[in-house]
Protein backbone atom coordinates (compact mmCIF):
# COMPACT_ATOMS: atom_id res chain seq x y z
CA MET A 1 12.56 -6.74 -19.81
CA PRO A 2 15.84 -7.52 -17.94
CA ASP A 3 17.29 -11.02 -17.82
CA VAL A 4 16.27 -13.03 -14.77
CA ASP A 5 19.08 -13.23 -12.21
CA LEU A 6 18.64 -16.55 -10.37
CA ARG A 7 20.85 -16.44 -7.29
CA LEU A 8 20.04 -19.71 -5.53
CA ILE A 9 17.89 -22.82 -5.58
CA TYR A 10 17.51 -24.30 -2.13
CA HIS A 11 16.82 -28.05 -1.87
CA GLY A 12 16.60 -28.52 1.90
CA HIS A 13 13.04 -29.91 2.09
CA ALA A 14 12.05 -33.50 1.46
CA ASP A 15 8.58 -32.62 0.12
CA ASN A 16 6.46 -29.69 -1.11
CA VAL A 17 7.19 -26.26 0.38
CA PHE A 18 4.02 -24.40 1.38
CA ALA A 19 5.36 -21.17 2.92
CA VAL A 20 8.35 -18.82 2.76
CA ALA A 21 9.08 -15.74 4.87
CA TRP A 22 12.02 -13.33 4.86
CA SER A 23 13.36 -12.05 8.17
CA PRO A 24 13.07 -8.29 8.81
CA ASP A 25 16.87 -7.91 8.94
CA ARG A 26 17.21 -9.52 5.44
CA ARG A 27 19.69 -12.16 6.67
CA TRP A 28 17.45 -15.21 7.00
CA LEU A 29 14.79 -16.93 4.96
CA ALA A 30 12.36 -19.36 6.54
CA SER A 31 10.59 -22.12 4.62
CA ALA A 32 8.14 -24.81 5.68
CA GLY A 33 6.20 -27.63 4.12
CA ARG A 34 4.79 -31.11 3.97
CA ASP A 35 7.87 -32.66 5.58
CA ARG A 36 6.70 -31.10 8.91
CA VAL A 37 9.79 -28.97 9.42
CA VAL A 38 10.63 -25.28 9.32
CA ARG A 39 14.05 -24.42 8.00
CA VAL A 40 15.75 -21.10 8.66
CA TRP A 41 18.66 -20.57 6.31
CA GLN A 42 21.02 -17.91 5.07
CA ALA A 43 19.01 -15.96 2.54
CA LEU A 44 21.75 -15.75 -0.07
CA GLY A 45 23.98 -18.58 1.12
CA GLY A 46 21.73 -21.60 1.46
CA ALA A 47 23.18 -22.96 4.70
CA ASP A 48 20.73 -23.93 7.46
CA LEU A 49 20.79 -21.80 10.59
CA PHE A 50 18.21 -23.94 12.37
CA VAL A 51 15.70 -26.70 11.65
CA TYR A 52 12.52 -26.69 13.76
CA ARG A 53 10.94 -30.13 14.08
CA ALA A 54 8.25 -29.71 16.77
CA HIS A 55 5.20 -29.85 14.46
CA SER A 56 3.15 -33.04 14.28
CA GLY A 57 1.68 -32.28 10.84
CA PRO A 58 2.68 -30.56 7.59
CA VAL A 59 3.48 -26.87 8.10
CA LEU A 60 1.33 -24.54 5.99
CA SER A 61 2.11 -21.01 7.16
CA LEU A 62 4.88 -18.78 8.52
CA ALA A 63 5.20 -15.25 9.90
CA TRP A 64 8.19 -13.41 11.42
CA SER A 65 7.78 -11.06 14.35
CA PRO A 66 8.60 -7.48 13.31
CA ASP A 67 11.75 -7.51 15.47
CA GLY A 68 12.96 -10.73 13.81
CA ARG A 69 13.34 -12.64 17.07
CA TYR A 70 10.43 -15.07 16.69
CA LEU A 71 8.72 -17.16 14.06
CA ALA A 72 5.11 -18.26 14.06
CA SER A 73 4.34 -21.46 12.15
CA GLY A 74 0.98 -23.14 11.61
CA ASP A 75 0.23 -26.75 10.74
CA THR A 76 -2.50 -29.16 9.64
CA ALA A 77 -3.06 -30.33 13.24
CA GLY A 78 -4.56 -26.95 14.17
CA GLU A 79 -1.51 -25.72 16.07
CA ALA A 80 0.29 -22.40 15.70
CA HIS A 81 3.73 -22.48 17.27
CA VAL A 82 5.64 -19.34 18.28
CA TRP A 83 9.33 -19.95 18.81
CA HIS A 84 12.62 -18.15 19.19
CA VAL A 85 15.12 -17.94 16.34
CA PRO A 86 17.72 -19.36 16.29
CA THR A 87 17.40 -21.48 19.44
CA GLY A 88 14.04 -23.09 18.64
CA GLU A 89 12.79 -22.44 22.18
CA GLN A 90 8.99 -22.37 22.19
CA LEU A 91 7.25 -19.25 23.43
CA MET A 92 3.78 -20.79 23.12
CA ILE A 93 1.47 -23.04 21.10
CA ASP A 94 -1.94 -21.68 20.15
CA HIS A 95 -4.81 -24.17 19.84
CA SER A 96 -7.55 -21.80 18.63
CA HIS A 97 -8.17 -23.68 15.40
CA LYS A 98 -9.86 -27.04 15.02
CA ARG A 99 -7.90 -28.01 11.92
CA PHE A 100 -5.53 -26.50 9.34
CA VAL A 101 -3.82 -23.21 10.28
CA ARG A 102 -3.63 -22.13 6.66
CA THR A 103 -2.38 -18.58 7.14
CA LEU A 104 -0.62 -16.43 9.75
CA ALA A 105 0.13 -12.70 9.93
CA TRP A 106 1.94 -10.81 12.67
CA SER A 107 0.67 -7.30 13.43
CA PRO A 108 3.02 -4.42 12.51
CA ASP A 109 3.52 -3.54 16.19
CA GLY A 110 4.37 -7.14 17.07
CA LEU A 111 1.67 -7.46 19.74
CA LEU A 112 -0.88 -9.64 17.92
CA ILE A 113 -1.08 -12.57 15.53
CA ALA A 114 -3.98 -13.23 13.20
CA SER A 115 -4.48 -16.80 12.02
CA GLY A 116 -6.89 -18.30 9.52
CA GLY A 117 -8.34 -21.80 9.56
CA ASP A 118 -9.09 -24.10 6.64
CA PHE A 119 -10.88 -27.45 6.11
CA GLY A 120 -13.46 -27.63 8.88
CA ASP A 121 -12.53 -24.44 10.69
CA GLY A 122 -13.21 -21.31 8.62
CA THR A 123 -12.42 -18.81 11.38
CA VAL A 124 -10.01 -15.93 11.80
CA GLN A 125 -8.48 -15.93 15.28
CA LEU A 126 -6.77 -12.97 16.92
CA TRP A 127 -4.39 -13.64 19.81
CA GLN A 128 -1.40 -12.34 21.75
CA PRO A 129 1.80 -14.35 21.24
CA ALA A 130 3.41 -13.03 24.43
CA SER A 131 0.63 -14.10 26.82
CA GLY A 132 -1.37 -16.56 24.74
CA GLN A 133 -4.51 -14.55 25.41
CA HIS A 134 -7.23 -15.03 22.82
CA LEU A 135 -8.89 -11.73 21.83
CA ALA A 136 -11.42 -12.40 19.09
CA THR A 137 -12.88 -14.93 16.67
CA HIS A 138 -14.25 -13.81 13.32
CA THR A 139 -16.65 -16.10 11.51
CA GLY A 140 -18.84 -15.93 8.42
CA GLN A 141 -16.41 -17.13 5.77
CA ASP A 142 -15.63 -20.57 4.38
CA ARG A 143 -12.02 -21.84 4.47
CA ILE A 144 -9.75 -18.89 5.26
CA LEU A 145 -6.85 -19.00 2.81
CA ALA A 146 -5.06 -15.70 3.51
CA VAL A 147 -5.03 -12.92 6.10
CA ALA A 148 -3.36 -9.51 5.89
CA TRP A 149 -2.88 -6.49 8.17
CA SER A 150 -3.25 -2.90 7.05
CA PRO A 151 0.10 -1.04 7.15
CA ALA A 152 -0.87 0.80 10.35
CA GLY A 153 -2.21 -2.36 11.98
CA GLN A 154 -5.70 -0.96 12.58
CA ARG A 155 -7.56 -3.25 10.17
CA LEU A 156 -7.42 -6.91 9.26
CA ALA A 157 -8.53 -8.61 6.06
CA ALA A 158 -9.18 -12.24 5.18
CA CYS A 159 -10.05 -13.99 1.93
CA SER A 160 -11.68 -17.36 1.60
CA PHE A 161 -12.84 -20.16 -0.63
CA ASP A 162 -16.29 -18.57 -0.83
CA GLY A 163 -14.89 -15.76 -3.02
CA ARG A 164 -15.21 -12.92 -0.50
CA VAL A 165 -12.79 -10.65 1.31
CA GLN A 166 -13.85 -9.34 4.70
CA THR A 167 -12.19 -6.55 6.69
CA TRP A 168 -12.44 -5.81 10.43
CA ASP A 169 -11.54 -3.08 12.85
CA VAL A 170 -8.95 -4.75 15.06
CA HIS A 171 -9.70 -2.75 18.21
CA GLY A 172 -13.48 -2.82 18.10
CA HIS A 173 -13.58 -6.26 16.44
CA ASN A 174 -16.46 -5.12 14.24
CA GLN A 175 -16.69 -6.04 10.58
CA LEU A 176 -16.17 -3.06 8.31
CA PHE A 177 -16.64 -4.26 4.76
CA THR A 178 -17.09 -7.27 2.50
CA TYR A 179 -15.60 -7.25 -0.97
CA ALA A 180 -17.41 -9.59 -3.37
CA GLY A 181 -15.86 -8.55 -6.66
CA HIS A 182 -14.59 -12.04 -7.42
CA ALA A 183 -16.79 -14.93 -8.47
CA CYS A 184 -14.37 -17.73 -7.56
CA PRO A 185 -12.41 -19.16 -4.63
CA LEU A 186 -9.74 -16.72 -3.41
CA TYR A 187 -6.27 -17.94 -2.51
CA ALA A 188 -4.19 -14.77 -2.12
CA LEU A 189 -4.48 -11.38 -0.45
CA ALA A 190 -1.95 -8.58 -0.01
CA TRP A 191 -2.34 -5.12 1.53
CA SER A 192 -0.32 -2.41 -0.18
CA PRO A 193 2.38 -0.88 2.07
CA ALA A 194 1.46 2.52 0.62
CA GLY A 195 -2.08 2.80 1.90
CA PRO A 196 -5.71 1.64 1.78
CA THR A 197 -5.36 -0.64 -1.24
CA LEU A 198 -5.72 -4.42 -1.37
CA ALA A 199 -4.80 -6.96 -4.04
CA SER A 200 -6.74 -10.23 -4.17
CA ALA A 201 -6.62 -13.19 -6.53
CA GLY A 202 -7.87 -16.71 -6.96
CA GLU A 203 -9.11 -19.53 -9.13
CA ASP A 204 -9.95 -17.52 -12.27
CA GLY A 205 -6.42 -16.08 -12.57
CA HIS A 206 -7.62 -12.49 -12.26
CA ILE A 207 -6.00 -10.09 -9.80
CA HIS A 208 -8.15 -7.29 -8.40
CA ILE A 209 -6.74 -4.11 -6.88
CA TRP A 210 -9.31 -2.21 -4.85
CA GLN A 211 -9.87 0.29 -2.05
CA ASP A 212 -10.28 -1.40 1.29
CA LEU A 213 -13.23 0.54 2.76
CA THR A 214 -15.24 1.35 -0.34
CA GLY A 215 -14.62 -1.73 -2.46
CA LYS A 216 -14.00 0.47 -5.49
CA LEU A 217 -12.21 -1.63 -8.09
CA LEU A 218 -9.14 0.30 -9.22
CA TYR A 219 -7.69 -2.25 -11.60
CA SER A 220 -8.16 -5.83 -12.75
CA SER A 221 -5.40 -7.85 -14.35
CA ASN A 222 -5.49 -11.15 -16.20
CA ILE A 223 -1.72 -11.43 -16.42
CA HIS A 224 -1.99 -15.12 -15.44
CA THR A 225 -3.76 -17.83 -17.43
CA ARG A 226 -4.63 -20.10 -14.50
CA ALA A 227 -5.31 -19.84 -10.77
CA VAL A 228 -3.18 -17.36 -8.81
CA LYS A 229 -2.03 -18.89 -5.52
CA THR A 230 0.19 -16.18 -4.03
CA LEU A 231 0.65 -12.39 -4.10
CA ALA A 232 3.15 -9.99 -2.53
CA TRP A 233 3.65 -6.24 -2.87
CA SER A 234 7.20 -4.95 -3.05
CA PRO A 235 8.22 -3.07 0.11
CA ASP A 236 7.96 0.29 -1.68
CA ALA A 237 4.55 -0.65 -3.17
CA SER A 238 5.77 0.00 -6.71
CA ALA A 239 5.40 -3.59 -7.93
CA LEU A 240 3.32 -6.69 -7.30
CA ALA A 241 4.65 -10.24 -7.51
CA SER A 242 2.25 -13.06 -8.36
CA GLY A 243 2.45 -16.77 -9.05
CA GLY A 244 0.30 -19.84 -9.36
CA GLU A 245 -0.79 -22.75 -11.47
CA ASP A 246 0.54 -21.46 -14.79
CA LEU A 247 4.08 -22.02 -13.37
CA LEU A 248 5.01 -18.36 -13.94
CA LEU A 249 6.37 -15.91 -11.39
CA ARG A 250 5.53 -12.42 -12.61
CA VAL A 251 6.59 -9.04 -11.23
CA TRP A 252 4.58 -6.15 -12.63
CA GLN A 253 3.44 -2.61 -12.00
CA PRO A 254 -0.16 -2.33 -10.82
CA MET A 255 -2.47 0.03 -12.69
CA THR A 256 -0.42 -0.25 -15.89
CA ASN A 257 0.15 -4.03 -16.17
CA HIS A 258 3.73 -3.27 -17.22
CA GLU A 259 5.73 -6.43 -16.62
CA LEU A 260 9.11 -6.04 -14.96
CA LEU A 261 10.07 -9.70 -14.73
CA ALA A 262 8.76 -13.10 -15.79
CA TYR A 263 10.45 -16.17 -14.32
CA THR A 264 9.82 -19.56 -15.92
CA GLY A 265 12.19 -21.69 -13.87
CA HIS A 266 9.59 -23.60 -11.84
CA THR A 267 8.35 -26.96 -13.15
CA ARG A 268 5.22 -27.14 -10.97
CA TRP A 269 2.83 -24.50 -9.70
CA ILE A 270 4.06 -21.80 -7.36
CA ARG A 271 2.73 -22.07 -3.82
CA ALA A 272 4.34 -19.13 -2.01
CA LEU A 273 6.56 -16.10 -2.50
CA CYS A 274 8.03 -13.25 -0.48
CA TRP A 275 10.22 -10.16 -0.99
CA SER A 276 13.37 -9.32 0.90
CA PRO A 277 12.77 -6.25 3.10
CA ASP A 278 14.96 -4.08 0.85
CA GLY A 279 13.04 -5.10 -2.28
CA ARG A 280 16.10 -6.45 -4.07
CA TYR A 281 15.30 -10.15 -3.94
CA LEU A 282 12.29 -12.40 -4.32
CA ALA A 283 11.89 -15.95 -3.04
CA SER A 284 9.39 -18.39 -4.51
CA ALA A 285 8.46 -21.94 -3.56
CA SER A 286 7.41 -24.81 -5.82
CA THR A 287 7.66 -28.55 -5.16
CA HIS A 288 10.47 -29.05 -2.59
CA GLU A 289 12.52 -26.12 -3.89
CA VAL A 290 12.89 -22.45 -2.94
CA HIS A 291 14.25 -20.19 -5.69
CA VAL A 292 15.83 -16.80 -4.90
CA LEU A 293 15.92 -14.16 -7.65
CA ARG A 294 17.53 -10.77 -7.75
CA VAL A 295 14.94 -8.31 -9.07
CA ALA A 296 16.60 -4.93 -8.44
């Protein structure tokens, strides 16, 4: 296993960081947390480009538009803000959720945003960031903790505290499948860029890799010893990054469990991670810090 190449530790936040997101052009990294701000900073330099301070509650979720011009950020007050980078000019504020906007995901074509509500909401909302038009509400789950789009943008998946993953047809808004292979709260969900394969993980530390329409379990890994809080496929789908309460950031090859990297530099559990679009770097958040590693 190669030595871990730690490139940067960013200390810009005053409290826990809950979300990180890499811009599509690789230049900028966004982070957000309990201090109610979103920081956009040079991915490998650490200098702030812009600090967004319009949220009234801790910021839980982030998503870049595919063209890299806008950020969506969701908070504990039930608001999802869409704003221009780097000016901070607001495009809109969505009020679909009653409480926490735990998770956000921008569709691959940039036309839609899916958002998931937690603590008293439990819905997946689908809306247009350009017009603010609300298109659909999906119910039937308890505390939505992650949402993910299929690579082609035709299907949407959400995992929740009730231990289930549900998938929908985005255009017809009909539910397609429920995966119930876990027997624990689920915190993380990631759709493989290579095709109809999903990775899901939660409280028991197990990561399941399964087919999205059939639910066929392809592989199950217990590479972590405690709850897994975050998952991310590499852009080429050759590796999966995972982190959580055991304080370990692991990068490994699905189906073989071959570990490519194990990072032990965090002192508290890992809340979020993301890859750079070229697959060379990985950012992970724990406490008020964001660590950037070179992995390729």
